[in-house]
C-alpha cells in the first residue's frame, strides 16, 4: 500500500475534526463479502461520493470489495458502487488496505493507524507516530501490520493487540513499505532516496539496497519463484523514473522512464504480469513485467496527478484516483478508447486568468476543503454557506476541534481578515485548519468581498 499526495513538494496537508464512528451494524454489513461480478470488471465505471481528492485505493483479495482513502478524512467502503463511510480520522486519510476477510486498516495525516473490525463493528486507533503516516504493509501471516511515517520510523503493530515496536533508521521520512513473503524481511523506501532492507527478527537494517538519489515514493515486489522469493523489486521516485532491481543485491534490471514525473503510485495486478504506475502529470503507464515493454501509456487525468492505483480482484480493470473526488475504473483492454477521468478541472486547478482576484484566493486557499453552497458535501472542512455572522464551530452536523466547540468567535469581515493575516495556527491555536496566510491586505480584502457575495 503506497502513499499519495505527500510526495508532491508543494502539497498542503488538510485537516478536519474527528468524525463520529460508524455504527456497528452498518460496518458489519459494509465489509461482508459479496460477489463483484464480471460486469464490474468488464465495463467502465465510477465511484462517487467523497468530498476531496482520492489518496489511495485498495481491493480486497478475499471479496473483491473496494476501499478508498480521501482528503475528506474518511474511508469509503463500496458495495455495488454505493459507499459506507468509515469515520474516525482527524485529518486526511493517506492509505487504506484489507488486513483479512474481516478487517481493514487505514492511516493518515493525524499520525494514527485505525483497524476497522467487521466482526463486531468496532474500530481501534493505534497511536505512537509523531508524524503523518503515509504507507501500510500487512505481514504475510496477517499477524502484524507495518506503518511508514514521516517521523522517520516504521511501526510494527501486532494485530492481537500486543505492544507496538518502532524501528528507527535514518532521520529521513519513510514513504513506502513491502514485506518479503517470508515475513521476516521488510523493504522500506525513504525520502532521502534510499531503500533499506530490515531484518525483523534482529530489528536492524540488514543492508542498504539503494543509496541516495531521488526520494523513493513506492515499492512493489514481484516475479516470485517457486519458493516465494521475489524476482524483482520495482520502485518509483520523484525524478519520474521507475527502477527495477534485484531484491537481494540491488543490481539494476531495468530503468523505466517516459520523461515525466514524479512517480506517485504503483500497482501490480493479481497475476503479477502487469505493473501500473501513475505520475504527477496524470498519466497511467502499464508495463508487461515479462520483458518490461510499455503496453499502454494513458492520459487518465485531465488536470493534476494520479495518486491512487489498484487492479480489480480479477485483474481485468484498473482503478485510479487523483485530484478529483471520483474513482475511475477502466477495462485494461479498452484503455485507449476512453478520455481523461474528468470533464472539467476543479476550482483550484482552473486557469487563474478566468477568475477575479477574490475567487483566485478562494480557489488557492479554501476550495479544496470548503464548499460555498449548503450542499452538505463531504469536504474536509465545513461549508462556508452563510458564514458571515455565524459563530465559529456551530454548523450542525460537522465535528469541530475542541478549540472551536463552544467558541465565542463570530465570523465577519474583521475576523476572517485576522484569520488569514495571522494564520490559523496563531489566530485559533489548536484548530485543525492548515497553516497558511494571505500576507497582502488587498488579497484578503478581495477574498472577503468574494466570500460575502458567494456564501449568501
Protein backbone atom coordinates (compact mmCIF):
# COMPACT_ATOMS: atom_id res chain seq x y z
CA UNK A 1 0.00 0.00 0.00
CA UNK A 2 1.57 3.24 -1.03
CA UNK A 3 1.50 6.88 -0.08
CA UNK A 4 -0.06 9.61 -2.18
CA UNK A 5 -0.26 13.36 -2.03
CA UNK A 6 2.56 13.81 0.46
CA UNK A 7 5.09 13.18 -2.35
CA UNK A 8 4.43 16.48 -4.09
CA UNK A 9 6.73 19.11 -2.70
CA UNK A 10 4.00 21.74 -2.58
CA UNK A 11 1.24 19.51 -1.15
CA UNK A 12 -0.66 21.14 1.71
CA UNK A 13 -1.98 18.86 4.49
CA UNK A 14 -5.67 19.34 5.09
CA UNK A 15 -7.34 18.91 8.47
CA UNK A 16 -10.81 18.35 9.81
CA UNK A 17 -12.33 17.41 13.15
CA UNK A 18 -12.78 13.81 14.22
CA UNK A 19 -15.94 12.34 12.72
CA UNK A 20 -18.25 10.05 14.65
CA UNK A 21 -17.54 6.33 14.41
CA UNK A 22 -19.72 4.33 12.04
CA UNK A 23 -22.40 2.14 13.64
CA UNK A 24 -21.59 -1.49 14.28
CA UNK A 25 -24.32 -2.93 12.13
CA UNK A 26 -23.52 -0.64 9.21
CA UNK A 27 -19.87 -1.58 9.29
CA UNK A 28 -20.75 -5.26 9.61
CA UNK A 29 -22.92 -5.08 6.51
CA UNK A 30 -20.45 -2.97 4.55
CA UNK A 31 -17.45 -5.28 4.82
CA UNK A 32 -19.32 -8.53 4.39
CA UNK A 33 -18.08 -10.44 1.35
CA UNK A 34 -20.04 -10.14 -1.86
CA UNK A 35 -19.58 -11.08 -5.45
CA UNK A 36 -18.19 -8.28 -7.61
CA UNK A 37 -19.37 -9.97 -10.80
CA UNK A 38 -17.73 -9.92 -14.19
CA UNK A 39 -19.74 -6.91 -15.36
CA UNK A 40 -17.98 -4.58 -12.94
CA UNK A 41 -14.58 -5.78 -14.15
CA UNK A 42 -15.52 -5.56 -17.84
CA UNK A 43 -17.05 -2.08 -18.09
CA UNK A 44 -16.05 1.47 -17.35
CA UNK A 45 -17.50 2.70 -14.04
CA UNK A 46 -17.04 5.41 -11.42
CA UNK A 47 -17.32 5.62 -7.65
CA UNK A 48 -18.69 8.97 -6.47
CA UNK A 49 -19.31 10.38 -3.02
CA UNK A 50 -16.03 11.53 -1.49
CA UNK A 51 -15.67 15.22 -0.73
CA UNK A 52 -11.98 15.55 -1.58
CA UNK A 53 -9.18 14.10 -3.70
CA UNK A 54 -8.66 10.34 -3.71
CA UNK A 55 -5.48 9.42 -1.87
CA UNK A 56 -5.44 5.62 -2.10
CA UNK A 57 -7.44 2.67 -3.39
CA UNK A 58 -7.39 -0.94 -2.15
CA UNK A 59 -9.18 -4.04 -3.44
CA UNK A 60 -9.89 -6.97 -1.14
CA UNK A 61 -8.29 -10.24 -2.27
CA UNK A 62 -10.98 -12.01 -0.23
CA UNK A 63 -14.18 -10.45 -1.58
CA UNK A 64 -13.21 -8.06 -4.36
CA UNK A 65 -14.61 -5.13 -2.35
CA UNK A 66 -13.10 -1.69 -2.96
CA UNK A 67 -11.92 0.69 -0.23
CA UNK A 68 -10.87 4.29 -0.80
CA UNK A 69 -8.97 6.86 1.27
CA UNK A 70 -9.55 10.58 0.79
CA UNK A 71 -8.57 14.11 1.71
CA UNK A 72 -12.05 14.37 3.23
CA UNK A 73 -10.75 12.43 6.29
CA UNK A 74 -12.82 9.36 5.55
CA UNK A 75 -12.55 5.82 4.24
CA UNK A 76 -15.16 4.73 1.71
CA UNK A 77 -16.17 1.07 1.57
CA UNK A 78 -18.07 0.27 -1.60
CA UNK A 79 -20.85 -2.22 -2.29
CA UNK A 80 -22.38 -2.11 -5.76
CA UNK A 81 -20.87 1.37 -6.17
CA UNK A 82 -22.64 2.61 -3.03
CA UNK A 83 -20.37 3.85 -0.21
CA UNK A 84 -20.44 3.28 3.51
CA UNK A 85 -18.29 5.85 5.27
CA UNK A 86 -15.84 4.82 7.97
CA UNK A 87 -15.20 7.88 10.11
CA UNK A 88 -12.54 8.16 12.78
CA UNK A 89 -9.56 10.03 11.36
CA UNK A 90 -8.99 13.66 12.36
CA UNK A 91 -7.23 14.58 9.11
CA UNK A 92 -6.65 13.40 5.56
CA UNK A 93 -6.51 9.61 5.13
CA UNK A 94 -3.43 8.66 3.10
CA UNK A 95 -3.71 4.90 2.80
CA UNK A 96 -6.18 2.06 3.27
CA UNK A 97 -5.92 -1.71 2.90
CA UNK A 98 -7.55 -5.02 3.73
CA UNK A 99 -5.92 -6.92 6.59
CA UNK A 100 -8.03 -10.06 6.18
CA UNK A 101 -11.62 -11.02 5.41
CA UNK A 102 -12.90 -9.18 8.49
CA UNK A 103 -10.60 -6.21 8.96
CA UNK A 104 -9.44 -3.02 7.25
CA UNK A 105 -6.58 -0.71 8.17
CA UNK A 106 -6.17 2.97 7.38
CA UNK A 107 -3.71 5.72 8.29
CA UNK A 108 -3.32 9.43 7.71
CA UNK A 109 -2.17 12.91 8.49
CA UNK A 110 -3.41 12.63 12.09
CA UNK A 111 -0.40 10.37 12.85
CA UNK A 112 -2.67 7.41 13.60
CA UNK A 113 -3.46 3.95 12.26
CA UNK A 114 -7.02 2.64 12.60
CA UNK A 115 -8.04 -1.02 12.46
CA UNK A 116 -11.68 -1.49 11.44
CA UNK A 117 -13.28 -4.79 12.50
CA UNK A 118 -16.38 -6.09 10.71
CA UNK A 119 -16.89 -8.95 13.17
CA UNK A 120 -18.22 -6.60 15.86
CA UNK A 121 -18.41 -3.26 14.02
CA UNK A 122 -15.69 -1.70 16.17
CA UNK A 123 -12.55 0.18 15.33
CA UNK A 124 -9.29 0.56 17.22
CA UNK A 125 -6.99 3.57 16.92
CA UNK A 126 -3.25 2.95 17.19
CA UNK A 127 -1.07 5.88 18.20
CA UNK A 128 2.64 6.38 18.67
CA UNK A 129 3.91 8.00 15.49
CA UNK A 130 4.93 11.66 15.69
CA UNK A 131 4.37 12.45 12.02
CA UNK A 132 1.88 11.68 9.28
CA UNK A 133 1.55 8.01 8.34
CA UNK A 134 1.79 7.52 4.59
CA UNK A 135 2.05 3.79 3.91
CA UNK A 136 0.99 0.44 5.36
CA UNK A 137 2.00 -3.16 4.72
CA UNK A 138 0.37 -6.32 6.07
CA UNK A 139 2.63 -9.21 7.07
CA UNK A 140 2.10 -12.44 5.07
CA UNK A 141 0.76 -14.21 8.18
CA UNK A 142 -1.58 -11.26 8.79
CA UNK A 143 -0.49 -11.06 12.41
CA UNK A 144 1.28 -7.70 12.10
CA UNK A 145 0.79 -4.51 10.16
CA UNK A 146 3.69 -2.17 9.42
CA UNK A 147 3.28 1.61 9.09
CA UNK A 148 5.60 4.16 7.50
CA UNK A 149 5.77 7.69 8.88
CA UNK A 150 7.40 10.97 8.04
CA UNK A 151 8.76 10.96 11.59
CA UNK A 152 11.43 8.57 10.24
CA UNK A 153 10.08 5.46 11.94
CA UNK A 154 8.38 2.21 10.98
CA UNK A 155 5.70 0.97 13.35
CA UNK A 156 5.09 -2.77 13.78
CA UNK A 157 1.63 -3.31 15.25
CA UNK A 158 0.60 -6.78 16.48
CA UNK A 159 -2.99 -7.23 15.39
CA UNK A 160 -3.79 -9.23 18.52
CA UNK A 161 -3.37 -6.02 20.50
CA UNK A 162 0.19 -6.52 21.76
CA UNK A 163 2.72 -3.73 22.25
CA UNK A 164 3.95 -1.92 19.14
CA UNK A 165 7.61 -1.82 18.11
CA UNK A 166 9.11 1.19 16.33
CA UNK A 167 12.09 0.82 14.01
CA UNK A 168 14.17 3.96 13.59
CA UNK A 169 16.62 4.21 10.72
CA UNK A 170 17.93 7.40 9.14
CA UNK A 171 16.47 10.78 10.01
CA UNK A 172 14.66 10.79 6.68
CA UNK A 173 10.92 10.11 6.46
CA UNK A 174 9.64 6.72 5.33
CA UNK A 175 7.42 6.71 2.24
CA UNK A 176 6.92 3.08 1.20
CA UNK A 177 6.92 -0.47 2.61
CA UNK A 178 6.80 -4.02 1.24
CA UNK A 179 7.04 -7.34 3.09
CA UNK A 180 9.00 -10.25 1.66
CA UNK A 181 6.99 -13.47 1.52
CA UNK A 182 8.95 -14.98 4.40
CA UNK A 183 7.53 -12.32 6.73
CA UNK A 184 10.98 -11.81 8.23
CA UNK A 185 12.15 -9.12 5.83
CA UNK A 186 10.71 -5.67 5.26
CA UNK A 187 11.76 -3.33 2.45
CA UNK A 188 11.43 0.39 3.23
CA UNK A 189 11.75 3.34 0.86
CA UNK A 190 12.91 6.69 2.26
CA UNK A 191 12.62 10.33 1.35
CA UNK A 192 16.43 10.50 1.17
CA UNK A 193 16.38 8.17 -1.86
CA UNK A 194 17.46 5.00 -0.07
CA UNK A 195 15.83 1.59 0.21
CA UNK A 196 16.72 -0.30 3.35
CA UNK A 197 16.15 -4.00 3.99
CA UNK A 198 15.07 -4.63 7.58
CA UNK A 199 15.68 -7.91 9.39
CA UNK A 200 12.60 -8.04 11.61
CA UNK A 201 13.95 -10.72 13.91
CA UNK A 202 17.01 -8.61 14.68
CA UNK A 203 15.10 -5.31 14.36
CA UNK A 204 18.04 -3.97 12.41
CA UNK A 205 18.89 -2.93 8.86
CA UNK A 206 20.37 -5.92 7.06
CA UNK A 207 21.56 -3.90 4.08
CA UNK A 208 21.05 -0.67 2.20
CA UNK A 209 19.78 -1.89 -1.16
CA UNK A 210 19.67 1.51 -2.89
CA UNK A 211 21.57 4.62 -1.80
CA UNK A 212 20.95 8.30 -2.35
CA UNK A 213 19.47 9.67 -5.49
CA UNK A 214 15.86 10.78 -5.64
CA UNK A 215 13.24 10.20 -2.97
CA UNK A 216 11.54 6.80 -3.13
CA UNK A 217 7.75 7.03 -3.25
CA UNK A 218 6.56 3.49 -3.99
CA UNK A 219 7.85 -0.10 -3.73
CA UNK A 220 6.45 -3.25 -5.34
CA UNK A 221 7.86 -6.79 -5.09
CA UNK A 222 7.10 -9.24 -7.89
CA UNK A 223 8.25 -12.13 -10.05
CA UNK A 224 8.19 -14.72 -7.26
CA UNK A 225 9.95 -18.03 -7.78
CA UNK A 226 8.73 -21.47 -6.66
CA UNK A 227 9.90 -20.78 -3.10
CA UNK A 228 8.06 -17.48 -2.94
CA UNK A 229 11.16 -15.32 -3.20
CA UNK A 230 10.68 -12.10 -5.20
CA UNK A 231 12.48 -11.95 -8.51
CA UNK A 232 12.46 -8.19 -8.74
CA UNK A 233 11.76 -5.01 -6.80
CA UNK A 234 10.33 -2.00 -8.63
CA UNK A 235 10.36 1.43 -7.08
CA UNK A 236 9.09 4.82 -8.21
CA UNK A 237 10.98 8.00 -7.44
CA UNK A 238 10.41 11.73 -7.58
CA UNK A 239 12.56 12.07 -10.71
CA UNK A 240 9.90 10.28 -12.75
CA UNK A 241 11.82 7.02 -13.19
CA UNK A 242 10.60 3.58 -12.17
CA UNK A 243 13.63 1.41 -11.50
CA UNK A 244 13.63 -2.37 -11.34
CA UNK A 245 16.39 -4.03 -9.29
CA UNK A 246 17.29 -7.41 -7.84
CA UNK A 247 15.83 -7.50 -4.30
CA UNK A 248 18.87 -9.28 -2.84
CA UNK A 249 21.68 -7.25 -4.39
CA UNK A 250 20.18 -4.02 -5.73
CA UNK A 251 21.65 -4.76 -9.16
CA UNK A 252 19.80 -2.81 -11.83
CA UNK A 253 17.48 -4.82 -14.07
CA UNK A 254 15.70 -2.04 -15.95
CA UNK A 255 15.04 1.71 -15.77
CA UNK A 256 11.56 2.61 -16.99
CA UNK A 257 11.01 6.22 -17.94
CA UNK A 258 8.93 8.31 -20.32
CA UNK A 259 10.40 11.62 -19.08
CA UNK A 260 7.50 12.52 -16.80
CA UNK A 261 7.33 12.65 -13.07
CA UNK A 262 7.21 12.24 -10.17
CA UNK A 263 6.01 8.64 -9.78
CA UNK A 264 3.19 8.75 -7.22
CA UNK A 265 1.54 5.33 -7.44
CA UNK A 266 2.47 1.75 -8.36
CA UNK A 267 0.21 -1.30 -8.53
CA UNK A 268 0.76 -4.93 -9.54
CA UNK A 269 -2.12 -6.95 -10.96
CA UNK A 270 -3.10 -10.22 -9.20
CA UNK A 271 -1.35 -12.36 -11.81
CA UNK A 272 1.91 -10.44 -11.45
CA UNK A 273 2.09 -9.69 -15.16
CA UNK A 274 1.07 -6.02 -15.27
CA UNK A 275 2.78 -3.23 -13.36
CA UNK A 276 0.88 0.07 -13.48
CA UNK A 277 2.26 3.40 -12.42
CA UNK A 278 0.69 6.84 -12.01
CA UNK A 279 2.66 10.05 -12.34
CA UNK A 280 2.44 13.71 -11.49
CA UNK A 281 1.21 14.63 -14.97
CA UNK A 282 -1.89 12.47 -14.82
CA UNK A 283 -0.69 9.50 -16.89
CA UNK A 284 -1.07 5.80 -16.19
CA UNK A 285 1.60 3.62 -17.76
CA UNK A 286 1.13 -0.14 -17.99
CA UNK A 287 4.25 -2.34 -18.21
CA UNK A 288 4.42 -6.02 -19.10
CA UNK A 289 6.74 -7.46 -16.43
CA UNK A 290 7.81 -10.34 -18.69
CA UNK A 291 10.04 -8.05 -20.74
CA UNK A 292 9.20 -4.58 -19.31
CA UNK A 293 7.83 -3.15 -22.52
CA UNK A 294 5.15 -0.43 -22.33
CA UNK A 295 1.80 -1.99 -23.09
CA UNK A 296 -0.19 1.25 -22.72
CA UNK A 297 0.52 4.87 -21.77
CA UNK A 298 -2.76 6.56 -20.98
CA UNK A 299 -3.55 10.21 -20.14
CA UNK A 300 -6.00 9.42 -17.36
CA UNK A 301 -6.43 12.79 -15.59
CA UNK A 302 -7.44 16.00 -17.31
CA UNK A 303 -5.51 18.01 -14.72
CA UNK A 304 -3.35 17.06 -11.80
CA UNK A 305 -1.62 13.84 -10.74
CA UNK A 306 -2.56 10.19 -10.30
CA UNK A 307 -2.25 9.48 -6.58
CA UNK A 308 -4.03 6.15 -6.32
CA UNK A 309 -3.95 2.96 -8.41
CA UNK A 310 -5.29 -0.57 -7.94
CA UNK A 311 -6.35 -3.53 -10.05
CA UNK A 312 -9.72 -5.21 -9.74
CA UNK A 313 -9.67 -8.58 -8.00
CA UNK A 314 -9.85 -10.43 -11.33
CA UNK A 315 -7.18 -8.21 -12.89
CA UNK A 316 -9.30 -7.05 -15.82
CA UNK A 317 -9.76 -3.43 -14.76
CA UNK A 318 -7.58 -0.70 -13.34
CA UNK A 319 -8.91 1.80 -10.80
CA UNK A 320 -7.42 5.26 -10.41
CA UNK A 321 -7.90 8.42 -8.40
CA UNK A 322 -6.34 11.83 -8.08
CA UNK A 323 -7.27 15.46 -7.60
CA UNK A 324 -10.91 14.74 -8.44
CA UNK A 325 -13.17 13.27 -5.74
CA UNK A 326 -14.12 10.36 -8.01
CA UNK A 327 -12.60 6.92 -8.59
CA UNK A 328 -12.50 5.85 -12.23
CA UNK A 329 -12.20 2.24 -13.39
CA UNK A 330 -11.23 1.28 -16.93
CA UNK A 331 -11.16 -2.18 -18.53
CA UNK A 332 -7.49 -2.75 -19.32
CA UNK A 333 -8.22 -3.94 -22.84
CA UNK A 334 -10.10 -0.73 -23.63
CA UNK A 335 -7.88 1.92 -22.04
CA UNK A 336 -7.15 3.66 -25.32
CA UNK A 337 -10.87 4.15 -26.04
CA UNK A 338 -11.56 6.39 -23.04
CA UNK A 339 -10.68 10.03 -22.45
CA UNK A 340 -9.33 11.64 -19.28
CA UNK A 341 -11.08 10.96 -16.00
CA UNK A 342 -12.51 14.47 -15.54
CA UNK A 343 -14.70 16.57 -17.80
CA UNK A 344 -13.56 19.82 -16.20
CA UNK A 345 -10.93 20.89 -13.71
CA UNK A 346 -11.91 21.59 -10.08
CA UNK A 347 -11.85 25.20 -8.95
CA UNK A 348 -8.34 25.06 -7.51
CA UNK A 349 -6.97 23.92 -10.92
CA UNK A 350 -8.87 26.39 -13.09
CA UNK A 351 -6.99 28.95 -15.13
CA UNK A 352 -6.37 31.90 -12.75
CA UNK A 353 -6.90 34.31 -15.66
CA UNK A 354 -10.55 33.21 -15.77
CA UNK A 355 -11.21 34.38 -12.20
CA UNK A 356 -11.22 37.63 -10.29
CA UNK A 357 -8.64 38.05 -7.55
CA UNK A 358 -11.03 37.18 -4.72
CA UNK A 359 -12.11 33.96 -6.40
CA UNK A 360 -8.46 33.13 -7.12
CA UNK A 361 -7.65 33.46 -3.42
CA UNK A 362 -10.56 31.19 -2.53
CA UNK A 363 -9.55 28.63 -5.17
CA UNK A 364 -5.98 28.53 -3.93
CA UNK A 365 -6.54 28.68 -0.18
CA UNK A 366 -10.01 27.36 0.55
CA UNK A 367 -11.79 25.45 -2.23
CA UNK A 368 -10.23 22.04 -1.67
CA UNK A 369 -11.61 21.97 1.90
CA UNK A 370 -14.73 24.13 1.79
CA UNK A 371 -17.91 24.38 -0.27
CA UNK A 372 -19.68 27.68 -0.86
CA UNK A 373 -23.16 26.19 -1.02
CA UNK A 374 -25.30 24.46 1.57
CA UNK A 375 -24.99 21.05 -0.09
CA UNK A 376 -23.58 19.06 2.87
CA UNK A 377 -20.75 17.84 0.65
CA UNK A 378 -18.15 15.55 2.20
CA UNK A 379 -15.32 18.06 2.12
CA UNK A 380 -12.62 18.19 4.77
CA UNK A 381 -13.93 21.46 6.20
CA UNK A 382 -17.43 22.79 6.93
CA UNK A 383 -19.48 24.59 4.28
CA UNK A 384 -18.95 28.36 4.15
CA UNK A 385 -22.56 28.95 3.16
CA UNK A 386 -23.92 31.63 5.49
CA UNK A 387 -20.52 32.10 7.12
CA UNK A 388 -20.93 35.84 7.80
CA UNK A 389 -22.49 36.31 11.23
CA UNK A 390 -22.13 32.62 12.13
CA UNK A 391 -20.49 31.60 15.38
CA UNK A 392 -17.34 29.55 14.82
CA UNK A 393 -17.77 25.85 15.45
CA UNK A 394 -21.56 25.97 15.23
CA UNK A 395 -22.53 24.40 11.88
CA UNK A 396 -24.80 21.42 12.66
CA UNK A 397 -23.53 18.04 11.55
CA UNK A 398 -19.84 18.94 11.41
CA UNK A 399 -17.40 17.62 14.02
CA UNK A 400 -15.18 20.53 15.07
CA UNK A 401 -11.99 20.52 17.10
CA UNK A 402 -12.31 21.11 20.83
CA UNK A 403 -10.81 24.57 20.26
CA UNK A 404 -13.82 25.71 18.24
CA UNK A 405 -16.58 23.90 20.09
CA UNK A 406 -18.33 26.45 22.27
CA UNK A 407 -16.27 29.29 20.78
CA UNK A 408 -17.48 32.89 21.12
CA UNK A 409 -15.78 33.85 17.83
CA UNK A 410 -18.15 35.27 15.20
CA UNK A 411 -17.12 35.14 11.55
CA UNK A 412 -17.26 38.54 9.85
CA UNK A 413 -15.01 40.66 7.65
CA UNK A 414 -12.75 41.55 10.58
CA UNK A 415 -12.26 38.04 11.96
CA UNK A 416 -11.75 36.48 8.51
CA UNK A 417 -9.15 39.16 7.76
CA UNK A 418 -7.32 38.38 11.00
CA UNK A 419 -7.54 34.63 10.35
CA UNK A 420 -5.54 34.93 7.13
CA UNK A 421 -3.33 37.79 8.30
CA UNK A 422 -2.04 35.90 11.35
CA UNK A 423 -2.62 32.37 10.08
CA UNK A 424 -5.00 29.82 11.68
CA UNK A 425 -2.26 28.40 13.90
CA UNK A 426 -1.87 31.81 15.61
CA UNK A 427 -5.41 33.16 15.36
CA UNK A 428 -7.06 29.93 16.56
CA UNK A 429 -4.33 27.83 18.26
CA UNK A 430 -5.36 24.18 18.31
CA UNK A 431 -7.57 24.46 15.24
CA UNK A 432 -7.18 21.78 12.59
CA UNK A 433 -7.13 24.32 9.77
CA UNK A 434 -3.94 24.08 7.69
CA UNK A 435 -1.21 26.60 8.42
CA UNK A 436 -1.45 29.28 5.74
CA UNK A 437 -1.54 33.04 5.40
CA UNK A 438 -2.55 35.67 2.87
CA UNK A 439 0.03 38.33 3.52
CA UNK A 440 -1.24 41.10 1.23
CA UNK A 441 -4.09 43.19 2.64
CA UNK A 442 -5.55 43.71 -0.85
CA UNK A 443 -5.75 39.95 -1.42
CA UNK A 444 -7.51 39.45 1.92
CA UNK A 445 -9.96 42.24 1.12
CA UNK A 446 -10.76 40.75 -2.29
CA UNK A 447 -11.26 37.29 -0.75
CA UNK A 448 -13.66 38.68 1.85
CA UNK A 449 -15.65 40.54 -0.80
CA UNK A 450 -15.89 37.35 -2.88
CA UNK A 451 -16.99 35.28 0.13
CA UNK A 452 -19.57 37.89 1.14
CA UNK A 453 -21.28 37.50 -2.24
CA UNK A 454 -20.69 33.78 -2.83
CA UNK A 455 -21.86 32.49 0.55
CA UNK A 456 -25.20 34.29 0.86
